[in-house]
Amino acid sequence: MTVAGDAVTSEDLLVMGRITAVYGIKGWVKVYSFTDPMTNILDYRQWRLRYPNGREKTVKLDGGRSHGKGLIALVEGTVDRNQAETFIGAEILVNSQDLPEPKADEFYWHQLEGLTVLARNEGGNEVNLGKVHHLMETGANDVLVVRGASGSIDRRERLVPWLEDQVVTEVNLEEGFMRVDWDPDF
């Protein structure tokens, strides 16, 4: 597939939100954004839509704004409610290369997924807890979902809070690991 003149693979695309419903009669849609702040999704003027059946389509954003507690957007060329209904349920993907460079010691969630998680056991030896499968928001702080993988001490799933300097002591993207201050038995 080609997007904006550059070859883009599925691995380069990140899910940033979802189209949930239509808004009004002039072709606008309601958008649920996974970005923080939520309006950041509107900064990406080209979206790749992935439908539940696997079909994909590239569209351009013609407008968007906050509305109540959510967002609404207008896809270029959409002029009525019937056209807008065809977008309902589609995931909104953007090219990861279009994301702004994170500040020092900041990471995008997709960069953390797949990292090996290392901790020290009671004897002081470093052990492999598994790999970061995904992250989730809990309100208080984000949580790493770590699942046992090849080379890990077991196959358990662990929930490790993302508390920099307290629990997460080192992240090394180049070498593919993070160190945590976390009891392997927990």
N, C-alpha and C. Protein backbone atom coordinates (compact mmCIF):
# COMPACT_ATOMS: atom_id res chain seq x y z
N MET A 1 0.85 -1.17 0.00
CA MET A 1 0.00 0.00 0.00
C MET A 1 0.89 1.23 0.00
N THR A 2 0.43 2.30 -0.57
CA THR A 2 1.20 3.54 -0.62
C THR A 2 0.39 4.65 0.03
N VAL A 3 1.03 5.40 0.89
CA VAL A 3 0.39 6.53 1.55
C VAL A 3 1.31 7.73 1.41
N ALA A 4 0.80 8.80 0.88
CA ALA A 4 1.54 10.07 0.74
C ALA A 4 2.88 9.88 0.04
N GLY A 5 2.92 8.97 -0.94
CA GLY A 5 4.13 8.79 -1.72
C GLY A 5 5.17 7.90 -1.07
N ASP A 6 4.98 7.48 0.17
CA ASP A 6 5.95 6.63 0.84
C ASP A 6 5.37 5.23 0.99
N ALA A 7 6.21 4.21 0.83
CA ALA A 7 5.75 2.85 1.06
C ALA A 7 5.53 2.67 2.56
N VAL A 8 4.35 2.23 2.94
CA VAL A 8 4.01 2.05 4.34
C VAL A 8 3.56 0.62 4.54
N THR A 9 4.13 -0.04 5.54
CA THR A 9 3.70 -1.39 5.87
C THR A 9 2.76 -1.34 7.05
N SER A 10 2.08 -2.44 7.31
CA SER A 10 1.16 -2.50 8.44
C SER A 10 1.89 -2.22 9.75
N GLU A 11 3.16 -2.60 9.84
CA GLU A 11 3.93 -2.37 11.06
C GLU A 11 4.17 -0.89 11.30
N ASP A 12 4.10 -0.08 10.25
CA ASP A 12 4.32 1.36 10.37
C ASP A 12 3.07 2.11 10.83
N LEU A 13 1.93 1.43 10.84
CA LEU A 13 0.67 2.08 11.16
C LEU A 13 0.28 1.84 12.61
N LEU A 14 -0.20 2.89 13.26
CA LEU A 14 -0.61 2.81 14.66
C LEU A 14 -2.08 3.19 14.78
N VAL A 15 -2.83 2.42 15.57
CA VAL A 15 -4.23 2.74 15.81
C VAL A 15 -4.28 3.94 16.75
N MET A 16 -4.92 5.01 16.30
CA MET A 16 -4.99 6.24 17.07
C MET A 16 -6.41 6.56 17.54
N GLY A 17 -7.40 5.83 17.03
CA GLY A 17 -8.77 6.09 17.42
C GLY A 17 -9.73 5.25 16.61
N ARG A 18 -11.01 5.61 16.72
CA ARG A 18 -12.07 4.86 16.04
C ARG A 18 -13.22 5.81 15.70
N ILE A 19 -13.85 5.56 14.58
CA ILE A 19 -15.05 6.31 14.20
C ILE A 19 -16.23 5.55 14.80
N THR A 20 -17.01 6.25 15.62
CA THR A 20 -18.05 5.56 16.40
C THR A 20 -19.47 5.79 15.91
N ALA A 21 -19.74 6.92 15.28
CA ALA A 21 -21.11 7.23 14.87
C ALA A 21 -21.10 8.41 13.91
N VAL A 22 -22.25 8.71 13.36
CA VAL A 22 -22.38 9.91 12.54
C VAL A 22 -22.84 11.06 13.43
N TYR A 23 -22.59 12.27 12.94
CA TYR A 23 -23.01 13.46 13.67
C TYR A 23 -23.70 14.38 12.67
N GLY A 24 -24.96 14.61 12.86
CA GLY A 24 -25.70 15.51 11.99
C GLY A 24 -25.98 14.93 10.62
N ILE A 25 -26.33 15.80 9.69
CA ILE A 25 -26.73 15.35 8.35
C ILE A 25 -25.76 15.78 7.25
N LYS A 26 -24.68 16.46 7.62
CA LYS A 26 -23.76 17.00 6.61
C LYS A 26 -22.47 16.21 6.45
N GLY A 27 -22.45 14.95 6.93
CA GLY A 27 -21.31 14.09 6.68
C GLY A 27 -20.28 14.01 7.79
N TRP A 28 -20.53 14.64 8.91
CA TRP A 28 -19.58 14.60 10.03
C TRP A 28 -19.71 13.27 10.78
N VAL A 29 -18.62 12.84 11.40
CA VAL A 29 -18.60 11.61 12.20
C VAL A 29 -18.08 11.91 13.60
N LYS A 30 -18.49 11.07 14.56
CA LYS A 30 -17.96 11.15 15.92
C LYS A 30 -16.71 10.28 15.98
N VAL A 31 -15.69 10.79 16.67
CA VAL A 31 -14.41 10.11 16.75
C VAL A 31 -14.04 9.86 18.20
N TYR A 32 -13.63 8.63 18.50
CA TYR A 32 -13.07 8.31 19.81
C TYR A 32 -11.56 8.27 19.63
N SER A 33 -10.86 9.14 20.31
CA SER A 33 -9.42 9.29 20.15
C SER A 33 -8.66 8.60 21.28
N PHE A 34 -7.57 7.89 20.92
CA PHE A 34 -6.69 7.28 21.90
C PHE A 34 -5.51 8.19 22.23
N THR A 35 -5.44 9.36 21.61
CA THR A 35 -4.30 10.25 21.83
C THR A 35 -4.51 11.08 23.10
N ASP A 36 -3.43 11.61 23.61
CA ASP A 36 -3.48 12.44 24.81
C ASP A 36 -2.69 13.72 24.54
N PRO A 37 -3.33 14.87 24.44
CA PRO A 37 -4.77 15.08 24.58
C PRO A 37 -5.51 14.53 23.36
N MET A 38 -6.81 14.31 23.54
CA MET A 38 -7.59 13.63 22.50
C MET A 38 -7.62 14.39 21.18
N THR A 39 -7.49 15.70 21.23
CA THR A 39 -7.54 16.50 19.99
C THR A 39 -6.32 16.30 19.11
N ASN A 40 -5.26 15.68 19.62
CA ASN A 40 -4.07 15.46 18.80
C ASN A 40 -4.35 14.63 17.56
N ILE A 41 -5.36 13.77 17.59
CA ILE A 41 -5.68 12.95 16.42
C ILE A 41 -6.04 13.83 15.22
N LEU A 42 -6.55 15.02 15.49
CA LEU A 42 -6.94 15.93 14.41
C LEU A 42 -5.73 16.58 13.74
N ASP A 43 -4.55 16.47 14.34
CA ASP A 43 -3.34 17.01 13.74
C ASP A 43 -2.89 16.19 12.53
N TYR A 44 -3.36 14.95 12.44
CA TYR A 44 -2.99 14.06 11.33
C TYR A 44 -4.05 14.22 10.26
N ARG A 45 -3.69 14.83 9.15
CA ARG A 45 -4.67 15.17 8.12
C ARG A 45 -4.96 14.00 7.20
N GLN A 46 -4.14 12.96 7.24
CA GLN A 46 -4.40 11.77 6.43
C GLN A 46 -4.54 10.58 7.38
N TRP A 47 -5.64 9.86 7.23
CA TRP A 47 -5.92 8.69 8.06
C TRP A 47 -6.04 7.46 7.17
N ARG A 48 -5.58 6.37 7.70
CA ARG A 48 -5.84 5.06 7.08
C ARG A 48 -6.96 4.44 7.90
N LEU A 49 -8.09 4.14 7.29
CA LEU A 49 -9.21 3.53 7.99
C LEU A 49 -9.15 2.02 7.80
N ARG A 50 -9.28 1.29 8.90
CA ARG A 50 -9.32 -0.18 8.85
C ARG A 50 -10.67 -0.61 9.41
N TYR A 51 -11.43 -1.27 8.55
CA TYR A 51 -12.77 -1.71 8.93
C TYR A 51 -12.71 -3.07 9.62
N PRO A 52 -13.75 -3.42 10.38
CA PRO A 52 -13.77 -4.71 11.08
C PRO A 52 -13.56 -5.92 10.15
N ASN A 53 -13.95 -5.80 8.89
CA ASN A 53 -13.76 -6.91 7.94
C ASN A 53 -12.35 -6.96 7.36
N GLY A 54 -11.47 -6.04 7.79
CA GLY A 54 -10.09 -6.03 7.33
C GLY A 54 -9.82 -5.09 6.16
N ARG A 55 -10.87 -4.62 5.52
CA ARG A 55 -10.70 -3.70 4.40
C ARG A 55 -10.08 -2.41 4.90
N GLU A 56 -9.24 -1.79 4.08
CA GLU A 56 -8.60 -0.53 4.46
C GLU A 56 -8.81 0.52 3.37
N LYS A 57 -8.80 1.75 3.81
CA LYS A 57 -9.02 2.87 2.88
C LYS A 57 -8.29 4.09 3.42
N THR A 58 -7.59 4.82 2.56
CA THR A 58 -6.92 6.06 2.95
C THR A 58 -7.86 7.23 2.67
N VAL A 59 -7.99 8.10 3.69
CA VAL A 59 -8.85 9.28 3.54
C VAL A 59 -8.10 10.50 4.05
N LYS A 60 -8.57 11.66 3.65
CA LYS A 60 -8.01 12.91 4.16
C LYS A 60 -9.05 13.59 5.02
N LEU A 61 -8.57 14.24 6.06
CA LEU A 61 -9.44 14.94 6.99
C LEU A 61 -9.68 16.34 6.45
N ASP A 62 -10.95 16.73 6.35
CA ASP A 62 -11.31 18.04 5.85
C ASP A 62 -11.58 19.02 6.99
N GLY A 63 -11.79 18.49 8.21
CA GLY A 63 -12.03 19.34 9.36
C GLY A 63 -12.27 18.49 10.59
N GLY A 64 -12.16 19.12 11.73
CA GLY A 64 -12.41 18.42 12.98
C GLY A 64 -12.36 19.39 14.14
N ARG A 65 -13.07 19.02 15.22
CA ARG A 65 -13.07 19.89 16.39
C ARG A 65 -13.61 19.13 17.59
N SER A 66 -13.39 19.72 18.76
CA SER A 66 -13.99 19.19 19.99
C SER A 66 -15.48 19.44 19.94
N HIS A 67 -16.24 18.51 20.50
CA HIS A 67 -17.68 18.68 20.59
C HIS A 67 -18.17 17.97 21.85
N GLY A 68 -18.59 18.74 22.83
CA GLY A 68 -18.98 18.14 24.10
C GLY A 68 -17.75 17.48 24.74
N LYS A 69 -17.90 16.22 25.11
CA LYS A 69 -16.78 15.48 25.71
C LYS A 69 -16.00 14.69 24.68
N GLY A 70 -16.33 14.85 23.40
CA GLY A 70 -15.68 14.08 22.36
C GLY A 70 -15.19 14.93 21.21
N LEU A 71 -15.06 14.29 20.06
CA LEU A 71 -14.58 14.95 18.84
C LEU A 71 -15.52 14.63 17.70
N ILE A 72 -15.58 15.55 16.74
CA ILE A 72 -16.24 15.27 15.48
C ILE A 72 -15.27 15.63 14.36
N ALA A 73 -15.42 14.93 13.23
CA ALA A 73 -14.51 15.15 12.11
C ALA A 73 -15.28 15.02 10.80
N LEU A 74 -14.74 15.65 9.77
CA LEU A 74 -15.31 15.57 8.44
C LEU A 74 -14.26 15.01 7.50
N VAL A 75 -14.58 13.88 6.88
CA VAL A 75 -13.69 13.26 5.91
C VAL A 75 -13.91 13.95 4.57
N GLU A 76 -12.80 14.30 3.92
CA GLU A 76 -12.87 15.01 2.64
C GLU A 76 -13.78 14.27 1.66
N GLY A 77 -14.67 15.02 1.01
CA GLY A 77 -15.56 14.46 0.01
C GLY A 77 -16.85 13.89 0.57
N THR A 78 -17.00 13.89 1.89
CA THR A 78 -18.21 13.38 2.52
C THR A 78 -19.18 14.55 2.68
N VAL A 79 -20.38 14.41 2.10
CA VAL A 79 -21.31 15.53 2.10
C VAL A 79 -22.63 15.24 2.80
N ASP A 80 -22.89 13.96 3.13
CA ASP A 80 -24.16 13.68 3.80
C ASP A 80 -24.01 12.52 4.79
N ARG A 81 -25.07 12.34 5.54
CA ARG A 81 -25.10 11.32 6.60
C ARG A 81 -24.90 9.91 6.04
N ASN A 82 -25.48 9.62 4.89
CA ASN A 82 -25.35 8.28 4.30
C ASN A 82 -23.90 7.94 3.98
N GLN A 83 -23.16 8.88 3.43
CA GLN A 83 -21.74 8.65 3.16
C GLN A 83 -20.98 8.47 4.47
N ALA A 84 -21.30 9.28 5.47
CA ALA A 84 -20.60 9.21 6.76
C ALA A 84 -20.83 7.86 7.44
N GLU A 85 -22.02 7.27 7.26
CA GLU A 85 -22.32 5.98 7.89
C GLU A 85 -21.37 4.89 7.44
N THR A 86 -20.78 5.02 6.25
CA THR A 86 -19.86 3.98 5.76
C THR A 86 -18.57 3.93 6.56
N PHE A 87 -18.29 4.97 7.36
CA PHE A 87 -17.06 5.01 8.15
C PHE A 87 -17.23 4.43 9.56
N ILE A 88 -18.45 4.22 10.00
CA ILE A 88 -18.70 3.77 11.38
C ILE A 88 -18.00 2.44 11.65
N GLY A 89 -17.31 2.37 12.78
CA GLY A 89 -16.62 1.15 13.19
C GLY A 89 -15.19 1.04 12.72
N ALA A 90 -14.77 1.94 11.85
CA ALA A 90 -13.40 1.88 11.32
C ALA A 90 -12.40 2.39 12.34
N GLU A 91 -11.27 1.69 12.46
CA GLU A 91 -10.16 2.18 13.26
C GLU A 91 -9.43 3.25 12.46
N ILE A 92 -8.90 4.24 13.16
CA ILE A 92 -8.13 5.30 12.53
C ILE A 92 -6.66 5.01 12.78
N LEU A 93 -5.91 4.83 11.71
CA LEU A 93 -4.49 4.55 11.81
C LEU A 93 -3.70 5.68 11.18
N VAL A 94 -2.51 5.93 11.73
CA VAL A 94 -1.60 6.91 11.14
C VAL A 94 -0.22 6.28 11.06
N ASN A 95 0.59 6.82 10.19
CA ASN A 95 1.95 6.34 10.01
C ASN A 95 2.77 6.73 11.24
N SER A 96 3.45 5.77 11.85
CA SER A 96 4.26 6.05 13.04
C SER A 96 5.35 7.08 12.77
N GLN A 97 5.79 7.18 11.52
CA GLN A 97 6.82 8.16 11.18
C GLN A 97 6.29 9.59 11.22
N ASP A 98 4.96 9.74 11.24
CA ASP A 98 4.36 11.07 11.31
C ASP A 98 4.23 11.58 12.74
N LEU A 99 4.52 10.73 13.72
CA LEU A 99 4.43 11.16 15.12
C LEU A 99 5.58 12.09 15.45
N PRO A 100 5.34 13.08 16.28
CA PRO A 100 6.46 13.94 16.70
C PRO A 100 7.45 13.15 17.53
N GLU A 101 8.68 13.54 17.47
CA GLU A 101 9.73 12.88 18.26
C GLU A 101 9.44 13.09 19.74
N PRO A 102 9.42 12.01 20.54
CA PRO A 102 9.17 12.21 21.97
C PRO A 102 10.34 12.93 22.64
N LYS A 103 10.03 13.62 23.72
CA LYS A 103 11.07 14.29 24.48
C LYS A 103 11.96 13.25 25.16
N ALA A 104 13.11 13.68 25.65
CA ALA A 104 14.01 12.77 26.36
C ALA A 104 13.26 12.11 27.51
N ASP A 105 13.46 10.83 27.69
CA ASP A 105 12.82 10.04 28.75
C ASP A 105 11.31 9.95 28.60
N GLU A 106 10.77 10.19 27.40
CA GLU A 106 9.37 9.95 27.12
C GLU A 106 9.29 8.89 26.04
N PHE A 107 8.21 8.11 26.09
CA PHE A 107 8.07 7.01 25.15
C PHE A 107 6.63 6.93 24.67
N TYR A 108 6.45 6.48 23.45
CA TYR A 108 5.13 6.12 22.98
C TYR A 108 4.86 4.69 23.42
N TRP A 109 3.61 4.39 23.71
CA TRP A 109 3.26 3.04 24.16
C TRP A 109 3.74 1.99 23.17
N HIS A 110 3.59 2.24 21.87
CA HIS A 110 3.98 1.23 20.89
C HIS A 110 5.47 0.91 20.96
N GLN A 111 6.28 1.85 21.46
CA GLN A 111 7.72 1.60 21.59
C GLN A 111 8.02 0.64 22.74
N LEU A 112 7.14 0.62 23.75
CA LEU A 112 7.35 -0.23 24.91
C LEU A 112 6.85 -1.65 24.69
N GLU A 113 5.86 -1.81 23.83
CA GLU A 113 5.32 -3.14 23.57
C GLU A 113 6.38 -4.03 22.95
N GLY A 114 6.54 -5.22 23.52
CA GLY A 114 7.53 -6.17 23.03
C GLY A 114 8.86 -6.13 23.77
N LEU A 115 9.07 -5.12 24.62
CA LEU A 115 10.31 -5.06 25.38
C LEU A 115 10.35 -6.17 26.43
N THR A 116 11.52 -6.74 26.64
CA THR A 116 11.74 -7.72 27.70
C THR A 116 11.81 -6.97 29.03
N VAL A 117 11.14 -7.52 30.05
CA VAL A 117 11.08 -6.87 31.36
C VAL A 117 11.97 -7.66 32.33
N LEU A 118 12.96 -6.97 32.89
CA LEU A 118 13.92 -7.59 33.80
C LEU A 118 13.74 -7.04 35.21
N ALA A 119 13.87 -7.95 36.20
CA ALA A 119 13.75 -7.57 37.61
C ALA A 119 14.78 -8.37 38.40
N ARG A 120 14.95 -8.03 39.66
CA ARG A 120 15.85 -8.77 40.55
C ARG A 120 15.03 -9.63 41.50
N ASN A 121 15.47 -10.88 41.69
CA ASN A 121 14.78 -11.74 42.65
C ASN A 121 15.36 -11.53 44.03
N GLU A 122 14.88 -12.28 45.03
CA GLU A 122 15.34 -12.12 46.42
C GLU A 122 16.84 -12.29 46.56
N GLY A 123 17.42 -13.16 45.75
CA GLY A 123 18.86 -13.40 45.79
C GLY A 123 19.68 -12.32 45.10
N GLY A 124 19.01 -11.34 44.50
CA GLY A 124 19.72 -10.26 43.82
C GLY A 124 20.05 -10.56 42.37
N ASN A 125 19.62 -11.72 41.87
CA ASN A 125 19.89 -12.09 40.48
C ASN A 125 18.84 -11.49 39.55
N GLU A 126 19.28 -11.06 38.39
CA GLU A 126 18.36 -10.50 37.42
C GLU A 126 17.59 -11.63 36.75
N VAL A 127 16.27 -11.48 36.67
CA VAL A 127 15.42 -12.49 36.04
C VAL A 127 14.53 -11.83 34.99
N ASN A 128 14.15 -12.62 34.01
CA ASN A 128 13.30 -12.17 32.91
C ASN A 128 11.84 -12.45 33.29
N LEU A 129 11.02 -11.41 33.41
CA LEU A 129 9.61 -11.57 33.75
C LEU A 129 8.73 -11.83 32.52
N GLY A 130 9.24 -11.54 31.35
CA GLY A 130 8.46 -11.70 30.12
C GLY A 130 8.57 -10.45 29.26
N LYS A 131 7.58 -10.27 28.41
CA LYS A 131 7.57 -9.12 27.50
C LYS A 131 6.33 -8.27 27.73
N VAL A 132 6.49 -6.98 27.47
CA VAL A 132 5.34 -6.08 27.55
C VAL A 132 4.39 -6.43 26.41
N HIS A 133 3.20 -6.87 26.77
CA HIS A 133 2.20 -7.22 25.76
C HIS A 133 1.43 -5.97 25.32
N HIS A 134 0.98 -5.20 26.30
CA HIS A 134 0.31 -3.93 26.02
C HIS A 134 0.28 -3.11 27.29
N LEU A 135 -0.22 -1.91 27.18
CA LEU A 135 -0.38 -1.02 28.33
C LEU A 135 -1.84 -0.67 28.47
N MET A 136 -2.23 -0.29 29.69
CA MET A 136 -3.61 0.15 29.89
C MET A 136 -3.63 1.31 30.86
N GLU A 137 -4.63 2.15 30.68
CA GLU A 137 -4.83 3.28 31.57
C GLU A 137 -5.72 2.84 32.73
N THR A 138 -5.38 3.27 33.93
CA THR A 138 -6.21 2.93 35.08
C THR A 138 -6.74 4.16 35.78
N GLY A 139 -6.32 5.31 35.35
CA GLY A 139 -6.72 6.55 36.02
C GLY A 139 -5.60 7.06 36.90
N ALA A 140 -5.15 6.23 37.85
CA ALA A 140 -4.06 6.64 38.75
C ALA A 140 -2.75 6.69 37.99
N ASN A 141 -2.44 5.64 37.26
CA ASN A 141 -1.23 5.58 36.45
C ASN A 141 -1.41 4.50 35.40
N ASP A 142 -0.57 4.52 34.38
CA ASP A 142 -0.63 3.50 33.35
C ASP A 142 -0.03 2.22 33.91
N VAL A 143 -0.42 1.09 33.30
CA VAL A 143 0.03 -0.22 33.78
C VAL A 143 0.56 -1.02 32.59
N LEU A 144 1.73 -1.63 32.79
CA LEU A 144 2.32 -2.53 31.80
C LEU A 144 1.71 -3.91 32.01
N VAL A 145 1.22 -4.52 30.95
CA VAL A 145 0.76 -5.91 31.02
C VAL A 145 1.91 -6.75 30.49
N VAL A 146 2.55 -7.49 31.40
CA VAL A 146 3.75 -8.27 31.06
C VAL A 146 3.34 -9.74 31.02
N ARG A 147 3.59 -10.38 29.90
CA ARG A 147 3.24 -11.79 29.75
C ARG A 147 4.51 -12.62 29.60
N GLY A 148 4.49 -13.78 30.25
CA GLY A 148 5.61 -14.71 30.14
C GLY A 148 5.89 -15.02 28.68
N ALA A 149 7.16 -15.16 28.37
CA ALA A 149 7.58 -15.41 26.99
C ALA A 149 8.79 -16.33 27.01
N SER A 150 9.30 -16.63 25.86
CA SER A 150 10.48 -17.47 25.76
C SER A 150 11.61 -16.89 26.60
N GLY A 151 12.17 -17.69 27.49
CA GLY A 151 13.27 -17.24 28.34
C GLY A 151 12.84 -16.63 29.66
N SER A 152 11.53 -16.44 29.87
CA SER A 152 11.10 -15.84 31.13
C SER A 152 10.98 -16.90 32.22
N ILE A 153 10.89 -16.45 33.48
CA ILE A 153 10.90 -17.37 34.61
C ILE A 153 9.62 -18.21 34.68
N ASP A 154 8.53 -17.75 34.08
CA ASP A 154 7.28 -18.51 34.04
C ASP A 154 6.39 -17.92 32.96
N ARG A 155 5.18 -18.39 32.85
CA ARG A 155 4.24 -17.92 31.81
C ARG A 155 3.15 -17.02 32.38
N ARG A 156 3.33 -16.55 33.61
CA ARG A 156 2.33 -15.71 34.27
C ARG A 156 2.19 -14.36 33.58
N GLU A 157 1.01 -13.78 33.77
CA GLU A 157 0.80 -12.40 33.35
C GLU A 157 0.92 -11.53 34.60
N ARG A 158 1.69 -10.47 34.49
CA ARG A 158 1.89 -9.54 35.61
C ARG A 158 1.45 -8.15 35.19
N LEU A 159 0.88 -7.44 36.14
CA LEU A 159 0.51 -6.05 35.94
C LEU A 159 1.50 -5.19 36.71
N VAL A 160 2.29 -4.45 36.00
CA VAL A 160 3.36 -3.65 36.60
C VAL A 160 3.05 -2.17 36.37
N PRO A 161 2.92 -1.39 37.44
CA PRO A 161 2.60 0.03 37.25
C PRO A 161 3.74 0.79 36.56
N TRP A 162 3.35 1.67 35.66
CA TRP A 162 4.32 2.54 34.99
C TRP A 162 4.58 3.73 35.90
N LEU A 163 5.53 3.55 36.80
CA LEU A 163 5.95 4.62 37.71
C LEU A 163 7.45 4.78 37.50
N GLU A 164 7.78 5.78 36.71
CA GLU A 164 9.19 6.01 36.40
C GLU A 164 9.97 6.32 37.65
N ASP A 165 11.15 5.78 37.73
CA ASP A 165 12.11 5.94 38.83
C ASP A 165 11.69 5.18 40.09
N GLN A 166 10.42 4.91 40.29
CA GLN A 166 9.99 4.11 41.43
C GLN A 166 9.95 2.63 41.07
N VAL A 167 9.24 2.30 39.98
CA VAL A 167 9.12 0.91 39.55
C VAL A 167 9.93 0.70 38.27
N VAL A 168 9.72 1.51 37.27
CA VAL A 168 10.47 1.40 36.01
C VAL A 168 11.75 2.20 36.19
N THR A 169 12.87 1.48 36.25
CA THR A 169 14.14 2.13 36.55
C THR A 169 15.00 2.38 35.30
N GLU A 170 14.74 1.63 34.23
CA GLU A 170 15.52 1.83 33.00
C GLU A 170 14.72 1.32 31.82
N VAL A 171 14.77 2.08 30.72
CA VAL A 171 14.18 1.65 29.45
C VAL A 171 15.27 1.78 28.40
N ASN A 172 15.55 0.68 27.70
CA ASN A 172 16.56 0.68 26.67
C ASN A 172 15.92 0.17 25.37
N LEU A 173 15.45 1.11 24.55
CA LEU A 173 14.78 0.73 23.31
C LEU A 173 15.72 0.06 22.33
N GLU A 174 16.96 0.53 22.28
CA GLU A 174 17.92 -0.01 21.33
C GLU A 174 18.21 -1.50 21.59
N GLU A 175 18.31 -1.86 22.87
CA GLU A 175 18.61 -3.25 23.21
C GLU A 175 17.36 -4.06 23.53
N GLY A 176 16.18 -3.41 23.55
CA GLY A 176 14.92 -4.12 23.68
C GLY A 176 14.57 -4.61 25.07
N PHE A 177 14.91 -3.85 26.11
CA PHE A 177 14.56 -4.27 27.46
C PHE A 177 14.23 -3.09 28.35
N MET A 178 13.60 -3.39 29.48
CA MET A 178 13.43 -2.42 30.54
C MET A 178 13.70 -3.13 31.86
N ARG A 179 14.18 -2.38 32.82
CA ARG A 179 14.41 -2.90 34.17
C ARG A 179 13.36 -2.32 35.09
N VAL A 180 12.85 -3.19 35.97
CA VAL A 180 11.84 -2.74 36.93
C VAL A 180 12.23 -3.18 38.34
N ASP A 181 11.82 -2.40 39.29
CA ASP A 181 11.96 -2.75 40.70
C ASP A 181 10.63 -3.37 41.10
N TRP A 182 10.51 -4.66 40.88
CA TRP A 182 9.23 -5.36 41.06
C TRP A 182 9.50 -6.79 41.52
N ASP A 183 8.80 -7.22 42.53
CA ASP A 183 8.96 -8.57 43.08
C ASP A 183 8.48 -9.59 42.04
N PRO A 184 9.37 -10.46 41.55
CA PRO A 184 8.98 -11.46 40.54
C PRO A 184 7.86 -12.39 41.02
N ASP A 185 7.67 -12.53 42.34
CA ASP A 185 6.62 -13.40 42.86
C ASP A 185 5.26 -12.72 42.87
N PHE A 186 5.23 -11.43 42.60
CA PHE A 186 3.98 -10.68 42.68
C PHE A 186 3.27 -10.68 41.34
